C-alpha atoms as a PDB file:
ATOM      1  CA  MET A   1      99.295  88.619  83.346  1.00  0.00           C
ATOM      2  CA  HIS A   2      98.541  85.490  81.377  1.00  0.00           C
ATOM      3  CA  GLN A   3      94.758  84.636  80.970  1.00  0.00           C
ATOM      4  CA  MET A   4      93.505  81.626  83.228  1.00  0.00           C
ATOM      5  CA  GLU A   5      90.720  78.968  81.814  1.00  0.00           C
ATOM      6  CA  PHE A   6      89.479  78.637  85.337  1.00  0.00           C
ATOM      7  CA  GLU A   7      88.539  81.651  87.724  1.00  0.00           C
ATOM      8  CA  SER A   8      88.216  80.947  91.036  1.00  0.00           C
ATOM      9  CA  ASP A   9      84.462  81.808  92.923  1.00  0.00           C
ATOM     10  CA  LEU A  10      86.938  84.480  94.813  1.00  0.00           C
ATOM     11  CA  ALA A  11      88.271  85.754  91.601  1.00  0.00           C
ATOM     12  CA  ARG A  12      85.193  86.223  90.442  1.00  0.00           C
ATOM     13  CA  SER A  13      83.654  88.023  93.178  1.00  0.00           C
ATOM     14  CA  SER A  14      82.216  91.366  93.150  1.00  0.00           C
ATOM     15  CA  GLU A  15      84.601  92.348  96.657  1.00  0.00           C
ATOM     16  CA  TYR A  16      87.976  91.087  94.994  1.00  0.00           C
ATOM     17  CA  LYS A  17      86.588  93.082  91.975  1.00  0.00           C
ATOM     18  CA  SER A  18      85.908  96.231  93.936  1.00  0.00           C
ATOM     19  CA  PHE A  19      89.241  95.689  95.473  1.00  0.00           C
ATOM     20  CA  ARG A  20      90.945  96.008  92.101  1.00  0.00           C
ATOM     21  CA  SER A  21      88.827  98.664  90.759  1.00  0.00           C
ATOM     22  CA  THR A  22      89.893 100.569  93.905  1.00  0.00           C
ATOM     23  CA  VAL A  23      93.411  99.619  95.035  1.00  0.00           C
ATOM     24  CA  PRO A  24      96.309  99.773  91.965  1.00  0.00           C
ATOM     25  CA  LEU A  25      99.202  97.194  92.073  1.00  0.00           C
ATOM     26  CA  LYS A  26     102.250  99.298  92.664  1.00  0.00           C
ATOM     27  CA  GLN A  27     106.001  98.106  91.466  1.00  0.00           C
ATOM     28  CA  ILE A  28     109.292  99.253  93.428  1.00  0.00           C
ATOM     29  CA  VAL A  29     112.327  98.623  92.652  1.00  0.00           C
ATOM     30  CA  VAL A  30     114.668  98.251  96.210  1.00  0.00           C
ATOM     31  CA  ASP A  31     118.097  97.791  94.714  1.00  0.00           C
ATOM     32  CA  SER A  32     120.517  99.414  92.703  1.00  0.00           C
ATOM     33  CA  GLU A  33     120.251  96.929  89.469  1.00  0.00           C
ATOM     34  CA  ALA A  34     116.933  96.740  89.127  1.00  0.00           C
ATOM     35  CA  LEU A  35     116.686  93.240  90.171  1.00  0.00           C
ATOM     36  CA  LYS A  36     114.507  93.478  93.082  1.00  0.00           C
ATOM     37  CA  VAL A  37     111.031  94.563  92.600  1.00  0.00           C
ATOM     38  CA  TRP A  38     108.087  94.485  95.480  1.00  0.00           C
ATOM     39  CA  LYS A  39     105.012  94.529  94.419  1.00  0.00           C
ATOM     40  CA  LEU A  40     102.332  95.848  96.596  1.00  0.00           C
ATOM     41  CA  TYR A  41      98.787  97.364  97.283  1.00  0.00           C
ATOM     42  CA  ASP A  42      99.068 100.074  99.793  1.00  0.00           C
ATOM     43  CA  ALA A  43      95.352 101.588 100.835  1.00  0.00           C
ATOM     44  CA  GLY A  44      94.276 104.255 103.742  1.00  0.00           C
ATOM     45  CA  PRO A  45      95.813 107.319 104.944  1.00  0.00           C
ATOM     46  CA  ARG A  46      99.213 107.895 103.420  1.00  0.00           C
ATOM     47  CA  GLY A  47      99.600 110.129 106.529  1.00  0.00           C
ATOM     48  CA  VAL A  48     100.046 106.860 108.596  1.00  0.00           C
ATOM     49  CA  ARG A  49     103.756 105.675 109.067  1.00  0.00           C
ATOM     50  CA  CYS A  50     103.124 103.010 110.881  1.00  0.00           C
ATOM     51  CA  PRO A  51     100.633 100.609 109.028  1.00  0.00           C
ATOM     52  CA  LEU A  52      99.788  97.576 109.036  1.00  0.00           C
ATOM     53  CA  VAL A  53     102.034  95.360 106.472  1.00  0.00           C
ATOM     54  CA  CYS A  54     100.947  91.817 105.409  1.00  0.00           C
ATOM     55  CA  LEU A  55     102.694  89.143 104.620  1.00  0.00           C
ATOM     56  CA  PRO A  56     101.209  86.339 102.062  1.00  0.00           C
ATOM     57  CA  PRO A  57     102.271  82.642 102.725  1.00  0.00           C
ATOM     58  CA  VAL A  58     104.322  80.701 100.278  1.00  0.00           C
ATOM     59  CA  CYS A  59     101.960  80.492  97.458  1.00  0.00           C
ATOM     60  CA  GLY A  60     100.393  84.257  97.992  1.00  0.00           C
ATOM     61  CA  THR A  61     100.356  87.368  95.824  1.00  0.00           C
ATOM     62  CA  ALA A  62      99.880  91.007  97.495  1.00  0.00           C
ATOM     63  CA  ASP A  63      96.130  90.191  96.792  1.00  0.00           C
ATOM     64  CA  SER A  64      95.626  87.694  99.126  1.00  0.00           C
ATOM     65  CA  PHE A  65      94.869  90.107 101.827  1.00  0.00           C
ATOM     66  CA  PHE A  66      92.464  91.800  99.723  1.00  0.00           C
ATOM     67  CA  LYS A  67      89.292  90.708 102.516  1.00  0.00           C
ATOM     68  CA  GLN A  68      91.484  93.004 105.009  1.00  0.00           C
ATOM     69  CA  ILE A  69      92.440  95.844 102.576  1.00  0.00           C
ATOM     70  CA  LEU A  70      88.949  97.006 101.790  1.00  0.00           C
ATOM     71  CA  PRO A  71      87.457  96.603 105.231  1.00  0.00           C
ATOM     72  CA  LEU A  72      90.212  97.774 107.547  1.00  0.00           C
ATOM     73  CA  THR A  73      91.047 100.931 105.239  1.00  0.00           C
ATOM     74  CA  ALA A  74      87.299 101.664 105.764  1.00  0.00           C
ATOM     75  CA  HIS A  75      87.815 102.111 109.631  1.00  0.00           C
ATOM     76  CA  GLY A  76      90.702 104.472 108.681  1.00  0.00           C
ATOM     77  CA  TYR A  77      93.551 102.211 108.953  1.00  0.00           C
ATOM     78  CA  ARG A  78      96.330 102.053 106.571  1.00  0.00           C
ATOM     79  CA  VAL A  79      97.124  98.890 105.045  1.00  0.00           C
ATOM     80  CA  ILE A  80     100.088  97.534 102.633  1.00  0.00           C
ATOM     81  CA  SER A  81     100.075  93.794 101.164  1.00  0.00           C
ATOM     82  CA  VAL A  82     103.353  93.122  99.521  1.00  0.00           C
ATOM     83  CA  GLU A  83     104.822  90.240  97.468  1.00  0.00           C
ATOM     84  CA  TYR A  84     108.399  90.048  97.277  1.00  0.00           C
ATOM     85  CA  PRO A  85     110.664  89.116  94.571  1.00  0.00           C
ATOM     86  CA  VAL A  86     112.970  86.521  94.264  1.00  0.00           C
ATOM     87  CA  TYR A  87     115.205  85.966  97.861  1.00  0.00           C
ATOM     88  CA  TRP A  88     117.448  82.811  98.378  1.00  0.00           C
ATOM     89  CA  THR A  89     118.132  83.861 101.916  1.00  0.00           C
ATOM     90  CA  VAL A  90     116.273  85.032 105.412  1.00  0.00           C
ATOM     91  CA  PRO A  91     119.256  88.114 105.631  1.00  0.00           C
ATOM     92  CA  GLU A  92     118.708  89.098 101.975  1.00  0.00           C
ATOM     93  CA  TRP A  93     115.359  88.848 102.471  1.00  0.00           C
ATOM     94  CA  CYS A  94     115.612  91.070 105.954  1.00  0.00           C
ATOM     95  CA  GLU A  95     117.522  93.967 103.635  1.00  0.00           C
ATOM     96  CA  GLY A  96     114.924  93.873 101.013  1.00  0.00           C
ATOM     97  CA  PHE A  97     112.410  94.367 103.602  1.00  0.00           C
ATOM     98  CA  ARG A  98     114.556  97.154 104.991  1.00  0.00           C
ATOM     99  CA  HIS A  99     114.900  98.835 101.877  1.00  0.00           C
ATOM    100  CA  LEU A 100     110.968  98.864 101.262  1.00  0.00           C
ATOM    101  CA  LEU A 101     110.339 100.488 104.401  1.00  0.00           C
ATOM    102  CA  ASP A 102     112.621 103.333 104.123  1.00  0.00           C
ATOM    103  CA  LEU A 103     111.521 103.798 100.238  1.00  0.00           C
ATOM    104  CA  LEU A 104     107.921 103.884 101.713  1.00  0.00           C
ATOM    105  CA  GLU A 105     109.072 106.122 104.485  1.00  0.00           C
ATOM    106  CA  ILE A 106     107.771 103.436 107.021  1.00  0.00           C
ATOM    107  CA  ASP A 107     109.605 104.025 110.327  1.00  0.00           C
ATOM    108  CA  ARG A 108     107.992 100.914 111.549  1.00  0.00           C
ATOM    109  CA  ALA A 109     105.123  98.546 110.851  1.00  0.00           C
ATOM    110  CA  HIS A 110     102.857  96.265 112.491  1.00  0.00           C
ATOM    111  CA  ILE A 111     103.200  92.939 110.272  1.00  0.00           C
ATOM    112  CA  LEU A 112     100.771  90.506 109.712  1.00  0.00           C
ATOM    113  CA  GLY A 113     102.280  87.549 108.456  1.00  0.00           C
ATOM    114  CA  ALA A 114     100.829  84.437 107.256  1.00  0.00           C
ATOM    115  CA  SER A 115     102.512  81.067 107.343  1.00  0.00           C
ATOM    116  CA  LEU A 116     106.258  81.528 105.585  1.00  0.00           C
ATOM    117  CA  GLY A 117     105.047  85.479 105.858  1.00  0.00           C
ATOM    118  CA  GLY A 118     104.926  84.970 109.817  1.00  0.00           C
ATOM    119  CA  PHE A 119     108.310  83.560 109.485  1.00  0.00           C
ATOM    120  CA  LEU A 120     109.973  86.071 107.965  1.00  0.00           C
ATOM    121  CA  ALA A 121     108.342  88.982 110.151  1.00  0.00           C
ATOM    122  CA  GLN A 122     109.556  87.434 112.926  1.00  0.00           C
ATOM    123  CA  LYS A 123     113.204  87.352 111.204  1.00  0.00           C
ATOM    124  CA  PHE A 124     112.902  90.728 110.787  1.00  0.00           C
ATOM    125  CA  ALA A 125     112.424  91.845 114.154  1.00  0.00           C
ATOM    126  CA  GLU A 126     114.996  89.784 115.382  1.00  0.00           C
ATOM    127  CA  VAL A 127     117.343  91.229 112.984  1.00  0.00           C
ATOM    128  CA  THR A 128     116.371  94.966 113.209  1.00  0.00           C
ATOM    129  CA  PHE A 129     116.025  93.972 117.371  1.00  0.00           C
ATOM    130  CA  ASN A 130     118.978  96.676 118.026  1.00  0.00           C
ATOM    131  CA  CYS A 131     117.362  99.362 116.072  1.00  0.00           C
ATOM    132  CA  PRO A 132     113.484  98.364 115.700  1.00  0.00           C
ATOM    133  CA  ARG A 133     111.462  98.652 112.457  1.00  0.00           C
ATOM    134  CA  VAL A 134     108.749  95.756 114.010  1.00  0.00           C
ATOM    135  CA  ALA A 135     105.794  97.596 116.404  1.00  0.00           C
ATOM    136  CA  SER A 136     103.789  94.781 116.274  1.00  0.00           C
ATOM    137  CA  LEU A 137     103.141  90.937 115.153  1.00  0.00           C
ATOM    138  CA  ILE A 138     100.040  89.166 114.092  1.00  0.00           C
ATOM    139  CA  LEU A 139     101.254  85.255 113.105  1.00  0.00           C
ATOM    140  CA  CYS A 140      98.595  83.609 111.147  1.00  0.00           C
ATOM    141  CA  ASN A 141      99.170  79.775 110.982  1.00  0.00           C
ATOM    142  CA  SER A 142     102.952  80.200 111.718  1.00  0.00           C
ATOM    143  CA  PHE A 143     105.861  78.813 113.031  1.00  0.00           C
ATOM    144  CA  ILE A 144     109.027  79.372 114.572  1.00  0.00           C
ATOM    145  CA  ASP A 145     111.605  76.899 112.965  1.00  0.00           C
ATOM    146  CA  THR A 146     112.224  75.465 109.800  1.00  0.00           C
ATOM    147  CA  LYS A 147     112.688  71.866 110.683  1.00  0.00           C
ATOM    148  CA  ILE A 148     108.936  71.258 111.221  1.00  0.00           C
ATOM    149  CA  PHE A 149     109.058  70.683 107.231  1.00  0.00           C
ATOM    150  CA  ASN A 150     112.098  68.011 106.964  1.00  0.00           C
ATOM    151  CA  TYR A 151     113.271  69.251 103.372  1.00  0.00           C
ATOM    152  CA  ALA A 152     116.182  70.606 104.873  1.00  0.00           C
ATOM    153  CA  ASP A 153     118.556  68.050 103.318  1.00  0.00           C
ATOM    154  CA  SER A 154     116.765  69.005 100.048  1.00  0.00           C
ATOM    155  CA  SER A 155     116.747  72.483 100.380  1.00  0.00           C
ATOM    156  CA  SER A 156     119.612  73.505  98.601  1.00  0.00           C
ATOM    157  CA  VAL A 157     118.451  71.980  94.916  1.00  0.00           C
ATOM    158  CA  PHE A 158     115.035  73.636  95.024  1.00  0.00           C
ATOM    159  CA  TRP A 159     116.221  75.893  92.510  1.00  0.00           C
ATOM    160  CA  MET A 160     116.878  73.157  89.916  1.00  0.00           C
ATOM    161  CA  LEU A 161     113.416  71.093  90.327  1.00  0.00           C
ATOM    162  CA  PRO A 162     110.243  72.124  87.672  1.00  0.00           C
ATOM    163  CA  ALA A 163     107.943  74.463  88.862  1.00  0.00           C
ATOM    164  CA  THR A 164     105.513  71.275  88.337  1.00  0.00           C
ATOM    165  CA  LEU A 165     107.087  69.220  90.832  1.00  0.00           C
ATOM    166  CA  LEU A 166     107.488  72.711  93.365  1.00  0.00           C
ATOM    167  CA  LYS A 167     103.385  73.144  92.863  1.00  0.00           C
ATOM    168  CA  LYS A 168     102.968  69.508  94.269  1.00  0.00           C
ATOM    169  CA  MET A 169     105.048  69.934  97.401  1.00  0.00           C
ATOM    170  CA  ILE A 170     102.472  72.997  98.398  1.00  0.00           C
ATOM    171  CA  ILE A 171      99.652  71.566  97.290  1.00  0.00           C
ATOM    172  CA  GLY A 172      99.915  68.152  99.078  1.00  0.00           C
ATOM    173  CA  ARG A 173     100.065  70.036 102.615  1.00  0.00           C
ATOM    174  CA  PHE A 174      96.502  71.325 101.437  1.00  0.00           C
ATOM    175  CA  PRO A 175      93.515  69.140 103.418  1.00  0.00           C
ATOM    176  CA  ARG A 176      91.839  66.815 101.017  1.00  0.00           C
ATOM    177  CA  LYS A 177      89.136  65.937 103.000  1.00  0.00           C
ATOM    178  CA  LEU A 178      85.233  67.393 102.914  1.00  0.00           C
ATOM    179  CA  MET A 179      84.887  71.110 103.889  1.00  0.00           C
ATOM    180  CA  ASP A 180      83.060  74.062 104.385  1.00  0.00           C
ATOM    181  CA  SER A 181      82.346  76.112 100.950  1.00  0.00           C
ATOM    182  CA  GLN A 182      84.442  79.553 102.185  1.00  0.00           C
ATOM    183  CA  ILE A 183      87.712  77.221 103.059  1.00  0.00           C
ATOM    184  CA  ALA A 184      87.330  74.863  99.748  1.00  0.00           C
ATOM    185  CA  GLU A 185      86.936  78.470  98.011  1.00  0.00           C
ATOM    186  CA  SER A 186      89.752  80.094  99.392  1.00  0.00           C
ATOM    187  CA  ILE A 187      92.215  77.075  98.450  1.00  0.00           C
ATOM    188  CA  ASP A 188      90.728  77.473  94.891  1.00  0.00           C
ATOM    189  CA  PHE A 189      91.901  80.667  95.740  1.00  0.00           C
ATOM    190  CA  MET A 190      94.915  80.679  96.835  1.00  0.00           C
ATOM    191  CA  VAL A 191      95.810  77.750  94.403  1.00  0.00           C
ATOM    192  CA  GLU A 192      95.159  80.235  91.378  1.00  0.00           C
ATOM    193  CA  ARG A 193      97.680  82.685  92.700  1.00  0.00           C
ATOM    194  CA  LEU A 194     100.300  79.677  93.386  1.00  0.00           C
ATOM    195  CA  GLU A 195      99.561  78.754  89.216  1.00  0.00           C
ATOM    196  CA  ARG A 196     100.566  82.876  88.611  1.00  0.00           C
ATOM    197  CA  LEU A 197     104.168  82.256  90.267  1.00  0.00           C
ATOM    198  CA  SER A 198     107.291  81.682  88.198  1.00  0.00           C
ATOM    199  CA  GLN A 199     109.636  78.739  88.853  1.00  0.00           C
ATOM    200  CA  CYS A 200     112.313  80.929  90.226  1.00  0.00           C
ATOM    201  CA  GLU A 201     109.705  83.014  92.938  1.00  0.00           C
ATOM    202  CA  LEU A 202     108.485  79.111  93.828  1.00  0.00           C
ATOM    203  CA  ALA A 203     111.863  77.943  94.491  1.00  0.00           C
ATOM    204  CA  SER A 204     113.135  80.575  96.093  1.00  0.00           C
ATOM    205  CA  ARG A 205     110.301  80.898  98.440  1.00  0.00           C
ATOM    206  CA  LEU A 206     110.758  77.030  99.439  1.00  0.00           C
ATOM    207  CA  THR A 207     113.893  77.613 100.117  1.00  0.00           C
ATOM    208  CA  LEU A 208     113.247  79.979 102.732  1.00  0.00           C
ATOM    209  CA  ASN A 209     110.641  78.169 103.849  1.00  0.00           C
ATOM    210  CA  CYS A 210     112.658  74.962 104.637  1.00  0.00           C
ATOM    211  CA  SER A 211     116.512  76.056 104.637  1.00  0.00           C
ATOM    212  CA  SER A 212     117.264  74.836 108.233  1.00  0.00           C
ATOM    213  CA  ASP A 213     117.035  78.541 110.046  1.00  0.00           C
ATOM    214  CA  TYR A 214     114.841  79.497 113.248  1.00  0.00           C
ATOM    215  CA  VAL A 215     113.427  82.570 115.213  1.00  0.00           C
ATOM    216  CA  GLN A 216     115.416  84.068 118.328  1.00  0.00           C
ATOM    217  CA  PRO A 217     112.623  85.027 120.366  1.00  0.00           C
ATOM    218  CA  GLN A 218     114.030  86.276 123.392  1.00  0.00           C
ATOM    219  CA  LYS A 219     115.115  89.282 120.463  1.00  0.00           C
ATOM    220  CA  ILE A 220     111.399  89.740 119.858  1.00  0.00           C
ATOM    221  CA  GLN A 221     110.216  92.541 122.397  1.00  0.00           C
ATOM    222  CA  VAL A 222     107.070  93.735 121.046  1.00  0.00           C
ATOM    223  CA  GLN A 223     103.123  92.863 121.332  1.00  0.00           C
ATOM    224  CA  VAL A 224     102.311  89.953 119.251  1.00  0.00           C
ATOM    225  CA  THR A 225      99.453  87.869 119.136  1.00  0.00           C
ATOM    226  CA  ILE A 226      99.100  84.402 117.494  1.00  0.00           C
ATOM    227  CA  LEU A 227      96.304  83.709 115.277  1.00  0.00           C
ATOM    228  CA  ASP A 228      95.121  79.657 114.551  1.00  0.00           C
ATOM    229  CA  VAL A 229      92.858  77.629 113.954  1.00  0.00           C
ATOM    230  CA  PHE A 230      91.305  74.374 115.613  1.00  0.00           C
ATOM    231  CA  ASP A 231      90.482  72.483 112.250  1.00  0.00           C
ATOM    232  CA  GLU A 232      92.731  70.536 109.678  1.00  0.00           C
ATOM    233  CA  SER A 233      95.981  72.952 108.519  1.00  0.00           C
ATOM    234  CA  ALA A 234      99.201  72.331 107.121  1.00  0.00           C
ATOM    235  CA  LEU A 235     100.563  72.789 110.790  1.00  0.00           C
ATOM    236  CA  SER A 236     100.238  70.282 113.452  1.00  0.00           C
ATOM    237  CA  GLN A 237      99.310  71.139 117.503  1.00  0.00           C
ATOM    238  CA  THR A 238     102.986  70.614 118.261  1.00  0.00           C
ATOM    239  CA  VAL A 239     103.909  73.363 115.897  1.00  0.00           C
ATOM    240  CA  LYS A 240     101.254  75.375 117.587  1.00  0.00           C
ATOM    241  CA  GLU A 241     102.039  74.674 120.901  1.00  0.00           C
ATOM    242  CA  GLU A 242     105.950  75.658 120.612  1.00  0.00           C
ATOM    243  CA  MET A 243     104.741  79.036 119.389  1.00  0.00           C
ATOM    244  CA  TYR A 244     102.577  79.653 122.532  1.00  0.00           C
ATOM    245  CA  LYS A 245     105.528  78.747 124.564  1.00  0.00           C
ATOM    246  CA  CYS A 246     108.142  80.967 122.842  1.00  0.00           C
ATOM    247  CA  TYR A 247     105.825  83.813 123.238  1.00  0.00           C
ATOM    248  CA  PRO A 248     103.797  83.510 126.523  1.00  0.00           C
ATOM    249  CA  THR A 249     102.371  86.961 126.875  1.00  0.00           C
ATOM    250  CA  ALA A 250     101.132  86.852 123.321  1.00  0.00           C
ATOM    251  CA  ARG A 251      97.254  87.100 122.918  1.00  0.00           C
ATOM    252  CA  LEU A 252      95.841  83.906 121.894  1.00  0.00           C
ATOM    253  CA  ALA A 253      93.101  84.746 118.432  1.00  0.00           C
ATOM    254  CA  HIS A 254      91.563  80.819 118.164  1.00  0.00           C
ATOM    255  CA  LEU A 255      89.212  80.070 115.003  1.00  0.00           C
ATOM    256  CA  LYS A 256      87.477  76.899 115.620  1.00  0.00           C
ATOM    257  CA  THR A 257      87.574  76.492 111.528  1.00  0.00           C
ATOM    258  CA  GLY A 258      89.339  78.370 108.922  1.00  0.00           C
ATOM    259  CA  GLY A 259      91.758  76.126 107.354  1.00  0.00           C
ATOM    260  CA  ASN A 260      95.362  77.215 105.882  1.00  0.00           C
ATOM    261  CA  PHE A 261      94.113  80.960 104.839  1.00  0.00           C
ATOM    262  CA  PRO A 262      91.596  81.778 107.556  1.00  0.00           C
ATOM    263  CA  PHE A 263      92.119  85.656 106.275  1.00  0.00           C
ATOM    264  CA  LEU A 264      90.211  84.390 103.601  1.00  0.00           C
ATOM    265  CA  ALA A 265      87.882  81.415 104.762  1.00  0.00           C
ATOM    266  CA  ARG A 266      86.815  83.448 108.069  1.00  0.00           C
ATOM    267  CA  ALA A 267      87.503  87.198 106.683  1.00  0.00           C
ATOM    268  CA  GLU A 268      85.163  89.017 109.454  1.00  0.00           C
ATOM    269  CA  GLU A 269      86.385  86.976 112.350  1.00  0.00           C
ATOM    270  CA  VAL A 270      90.263  87.822 111.494  1.00  0.00           C
ATOM    271  CA  ASN A 271      89.759  90.942 111.157  1.00  0.00           C
ATOM    272  CA  ILE A 272      88.131  91.650 114.156  1.00  0.00           C
ATOM    273  CA  TYR A 273      91.480  90.313 116.164  1.00  0.00           C
ATOM    274  CA  ILE A 274      93.280  92.597 114.081  1.00  0.00           C
ATOM    275  CA  GLN A 275      91.147  95.488 115.021  1.00  0.00           C
ATOM    276  CA  VAL A 276      91.613  94.294 118.713  1.00  0.00           C
ATOM    277  CA  HIS A 277      95.406  93.596 118.223  1.00  0.00           C
ATOM    278  CA  LEU A 278      95.559  97.432 116.160  1.00  0.00           C
ATOM    279  CA  ARG A 279      93.506  99.357 118.948  1.00  0.00           C
ATOM    280  CA  ALA A 280      96.211  98.799 121.343  1.00  0.00           C
ATOM    281  CA  HIS A 281      98.241 101.257 119.617  1.00  0.00           C
ATOM    282  CA  GLU A 282      95.845 103.763 118.516  1.00  0.00           C
ATOM    283  CA  GLY A 283      96.174 107.559 119.988  1.00  0.00           C
ATOM    284  CA  SER A 284     100.481 106.676 120.435  1.00  0.00           C
ATOM    285  CA  HIS A 285     103.104 107.217 117.199  1.00  0.00           C
ATOM    286  CA  LEU A 286     102.529 103.836 116.579  1.00  0.00           C
ATOM    287  CA  SER A 287      99.277 104.390 115.467  1.00  0.00           C
ATOM    288  CA  ALA A 288      97.878 102.543 112.357  1.00  0.00           C
ATOM    289  CA  SER A 289      94.915 104.326 111.973  1.00  0.00           C
ATOM    290  CA  ASP A 290      94.240 107.924 111.020  1.00  0.00           C
ATOM    291  CA  SER A 291      90.673 108.700 112.685  1.00  0.00           C
ATOM    292  CA  GLY A 292      90.517 112.187 111.978  1.00  0.00           C
ATOM    293  CA  THR A 293      91.492 112.119 108.557  1.00  0.00           C
ATOM    294  CA  PRO A 294      88.946 110.653 105.384  1.00  0.00           C
ATOM    295  CA  VAL A 295      89.712 107.409 103.932  1.00  0.00           C
ATOM    296  CA  ASP A 296      92.611 108.316 100.963  1.00  0.00           C
ATOM    297  CA  ARG A 297      92.656 105.301  98.848  1.00  0.00           C
END
């Protein structure tokens, strides 16, 4: 990873350094040509076959959820945070993710997905409807239809656009007004992650994010928690209301503030909501924790 001149406050924090020194980054190849390499952090008791899997937003990398990994594993949960390779279509991505779960010997997963990660989590639940691989969903600042981004017509040319232009498209959706220091720090950290993505990674993620597609919620028969913020984020109120309509029985976890990346800016609150969500499955075969055994990182 190339050395950067600027390092964000979160990347310099003792919490981040502790995470990096405690949890190794793994790389797992999911295809026979060795072209599709998923990167991930896997922490907590290995015996858990139904862990929490975290999927980042467009600009995120596997370490985006470091504020969830250590606190939740301390409570006995197994948490896996992933970063996916280049996929240009949602069916391809779903197939790759299914292979990853098979290789990790994970029967089902509780999925925490932020923004694009939440959309992909819903699509994976939909695609595996007949042979369920998703135990439950936590959707953070997510959406059910890509048309909200108004890029469907141009998404077919993302592959040829320069990285600087693709980065501008993403950063342009971040709020510009005054914000508290934790939200500002979360944006700095995620912009730093964004800078580390290649043109190909960026173009493919934006293609997944913006190509015409939508979720069929009637095929998603699992517990859902919708986690969103009341302050300014990249999603409009209309998009949020659309989500509530599609999941009328979902648990709503509202944060007064938190910006685009509440899992960083409001980690303590988010972690409480995650634990409340996962607690419903404790003691069953879908438990994400193994509270009887010491935490093995």
